[in-house]
Protein backbone atom coordinates (compact mmCIF):
# COMPACT_ATOMS: atom_id res chain seq x y z
CA MET A 1 -50.96 -39.51 -11.42
CA VAL A 2 -49.92 -35.96 -11.12
CA ASN A 3 -49.90 -33.70 -7.72
CA ASP A 4 -48.79 -30.68 -6.59
CA SER A 5 -45.56 -32.03 -4.79
CA GLY A 6 -43.37 -31.44 -8.07
CA GLN A 7 -44.31 -27.81 -7.94
CA LEU A 8 -43.27 -27.40 -4.48
CA TYR A 9 -39.83 -28.96 -5.06
CA THR A 10 -39.17 -26.68 -8.28
CA ILE A 11 -40.22 -23.37 -6.20
CA GLU A 12 -37.79 -24.56 -3.25
CA GLY A 13 -34.85 -25.24 -5.52
CA ILE A 14 -35.23 -21.90 -7.20
CA SER A 15 -35.55 -19.96 -3.96
CA ALA A 16 -32.35 -21.83 -2.62
CA GLY A 17 -30.47 -21.09 -5.82
CA LEU A 18 -31.22 -17.22 -5.47
CA LEU A 19 -30.27 -17.41 -1.88
CA MET A 20 -26.76 -18.96 -2.57
CA ILE A 21 -26.35 -16.51 -5.47
CA VAL A 22 -27.13 -13.30 -3.22
CA THR A 23 -25.12 -14.72 -0.38
CA ALA A 24 -21.95 -15.24 -2.77
CA TYR A 25 -22.59 -11.80 -4.05
CA LEU A 26 -22.62 -10.15 -0.78
CA VAL A 27 -19.37 -12.20 0.64
CA VAL A 28 -17.32 -11.27 -2.52
CA SER A 29 -18.44 -7.41 -2.43
CA SER A 30 -17.73 -7.15 1.31
CA THR A 31 -14.18 -8.47 1.16
CA THR A 32 -13.14 -5.79 -1.28
CA VAL A 33 -13.73 -2.89 0.57
CA LEU A 34 -10.82 -0.25 0.27
CA THR A 35 -9.67 1.45 3.54
CA PRO A 36 -7.58 4.52 4.11
CA GLN A 37 -4.34 2.38 4.63
CA ASP A 38 -4.80 0.92 1.26
CA VAL A 39 -4.88 4.01 -0.62
CA HIS A 40 -1.53 5.09 0.77
CA ILE A 41 0.36 1.74 0.70
CA THR A 42 3.09 3.29 -1.68
CA ASP A 43 3.76 6.15 0.66
CA VAL A 44 4.07 3.85 3.46
CA GLN A 45 6.44 1.69 1.57
CA LEU A 46 8.52 4.77 0.51
CA GLU A 47 8.62 5.96 4.23
CA GLN A 48 9.85 2.47 5.09
CA LEU A 49 12.40 2.35 2.35
CA GLY A 50 13.79 5.71 3.42
CA ASN A 51 13.92 4.73 7.12
CA ASP A 52 15.75 1.52 6.31
CA ALA A 53 18.33 3.48 4.16
CA LEU A 54 19.08 5.71 6.89
CA ALA A 55 19.17 2.95 9.54
CA MET A 56 21.63 0.98 7.27
CA MET A 57 23.79 4.24 6.96
CA ASP A 58 23.65 5.01 10.66
CA THR A 59 25.29 1.42 11.64
CA ARG A 60 28.90 1.14 12.19
CA ASN A 61 31.02 -0.72 9.64
CA THR A 62 33.00 -2.55 12.40
CA TYR A 63 32.50 -3.13 16.03
CA THR A 64 35.46 -0.96 17.01
CA GLY A 65 34.83 1.78 14.54
CA PRO A 66 34.36 5.31 16.22
CA ARG A 67 31.39 6.45 14.11
CA SER A 68 28.89 5.26 11.42
CA PRO A 69 29.04 6.44 7.80
CA LEU A 70 26.16 8.71 8.61
CA GLN A 71 27.88 10.30 11.49
CA ASP A 72 30.81 10.92 9.39
CA TYR A 73 28.87 12.47 6.53
CA VAL A 74 27.18 14.84 8.95
CA PHE A 75 30.39 15.47 11.04
CA TYR A 76 32.61 16.25 7.91
CA ASP A 77 30.01 18.53 6.18
CA ASP A 78 31.85 19.11 2.68
CA SER A 79 30.93 18.61 -0.67
CA THR A 80 32.85 15.00 -1.03
CA ASN A 81 30.88 13.86 1.94
CA LYS A 82 27.54 15.30 0.55
CA SER A 83 28.24 13.43 -2.83
CA ASN A 84 29.28 10.25 -0.79
CA PHE A 85 25.93 10.63 1.33
CA GLU A 86 23.76 11.13 -1.88
CA GLN A 87 25.57 8.07 -3.66
CA GLN A 88 25.17 5.76 -0.64
CA PHE A 89 21.51 6.86 0.12
CA LEU A 90 20.41 6.48 -3.33
CA LEU A 91 22.17 3.15 -3.67
CA TYR A 92 20.23 1.94 -0.69
CA CYS A 93 16.91 3.53 -1.84
CA ASN A 94 16.90 2.85 -5.57
CA SER A 95 18.30 -0.67 -5.82
CA THR A 96 15.56 -2.97 -7.12
CA PRO A 97 15.70 -6.64 -8.45
CA PHE A 98 17.05 -7.38 -11.79
CA GLY A 99 19.28 -4.24 -11.63
CA ARG A 100 16.48 -1.84 -12.49
CA MET A 101 16.84 1.60 -10.84
CA ASP A 102 13.99 3.58 -9.35
CA ASP A 103 13.75 7.13 -9.84
CA LEU A 104 13.74 8.67 -6.43
CA ARG A 105 14.71 12.25 -5.46
CA PHE A 106 15.35 13.66 -1.87
CA ASN A 107 16.59 16.56 0.11
CA ALA A 108 18.08 16.38 3.51
CA THR A 109 17.81 19.14 6.37
CA ILE A 110 19.82 19.18 9.69
CA HIS A 111 17.98 20.57 12.85
CA TYR A 112 20.30 21.44 15.90
CA ILE A 113 20.24 23.60 18.99
CA ASN A 114 22.33 26.87 18.43
CA ASN A 115 24.49 28.83 20.84
CA ALA A 116 21.47 30.99 21.90
CA ASN A 117 19.62 27.58 22.87
CA GLU A 118 17.06 27.89 19.99
CA GLN A 119 16.26 25.31 17.42
CA SER A 120 18.07 25.92 14.11
CA PHE A 121 18.26 24.13 10.80
CA TYR A 122 20.28 24.09 7.69
CA THR A 123 19.97 22.26 4.27
CA TYR A 124 22.47 19.43 4.18
CA TYR A 125 21.80 18.15 0.85
CA GLU A 126 19.76 19.58 -2.12
CA PRO A 127 19.75 17.88 -5.53
CA PRO A 128 21.30 19.61 -8.30
CA GLY A 129 18.59 21.11 -10.64
CA TYR A 130 16.09 20.92 -7.51
CA ASP A 131 12.85 20.31 -8.64
CA TYR A 132 9.97 21.08 -6.32
CA TYR A 133 8.49 17.87 -4.97
CA ARG A 134 5.12 16.63 -5.51
CA GLU A 135 2.41 16.17 -2.92
CA ASN A 136 3.20 12.42 -2.40
CA ALA A 137 6.73 13.23 -0.78
CA VAL A 138 7.31 11.50 2.63
CA LYS A 139 9.42 12.59 5.58
CA VAL A 140 11.95 10.49 7.16
CA SER A 141 14.05 11.50 9.91
CA ARG A 142 17.11 10.03 12.02
CA TRP A 143 18.68 11.31 15.37
CA ILE A 144 22.52 11.42 15.03
CA TYR A 145 24.99 11.83 17.78
CA LEU A 146 27.82 14.18 17.19
CA GLU A 147 30.78 14.64 19.28
CA GLY A 148 32.50 17.96 19.21
CA LYS A 149 32.15 20.75 16.78
CA PRO A 150 31.98 19.55 13.01
CA PRO A 151 34.04 21.46 10.77
CA ASN A 152 32.20 23.69 8.15
CA SER A 153 29.10 23.34 10.21
CA PRO A 154 26.92 25.74 12.21
CA VAL A 155 26.45 23.01 14.91
CA GLU A 156 27.72 24.46 18.15
CA ASP A 157 31.04 22.85 19.79
CA LYS A 158 29.66 20.43 22.21
CA PRO A 159 28.41 16.90 22.07
CA GLN A 160 24.80 16.92 20.98
CA ILE A 161 22.29 15.04 18.95
CA VAL A 162 21.13 16.62 15.67
CA LEU A 163 18.10 15.33 13.72
CA MET A 164 18.41 14.63 10.05
CA GLU A 165 14.99 15.08 8.11
CA VAL A 166 15.10 13.52 4.58
CA LEU A 167 12.21 14.48 2.22
CA LEU A 168 11.88 11.63 -0.31
CA TRP A 169 9.77 11.54 -3.48
CA ARG A 170 9.43 9.80 -6.82
CA ALA A 171 10.22 11.81 -9.78
């Protein structure tokens, strides 16, 4: 004897299968939504890299040392210190696992208060053969405390805090 109950089970099974497939599709498609933060993740990583490099350079080597390497680089503003600043900053930024070097470029600007009590700035470091940075450059900054007048620097002869801004980009 044949009745209609088998037909009902078949329709119920097909509709349950379709419901599970649609539910799985909605769950998978809703978890891969791109947010604005995901698009700029490389910029955020580059900015963190620059902040970390400046923070390491602004840490004194010994507990009794008078200044950090970054303070020395800015205080003694000459070509040797600019070269040392470039080497150390690029060493901290470009080091990657397995000895590969990343191709990063940067320039640095110092902002300070001049004798007329106005904000001024000067370019501290500019790479040789300076090529214009692309739109994906990030800006990192660090406040640096200087005691007295740095030689070869337009900064006024008084203890003050200057701002170093570094523009960092991938070449």
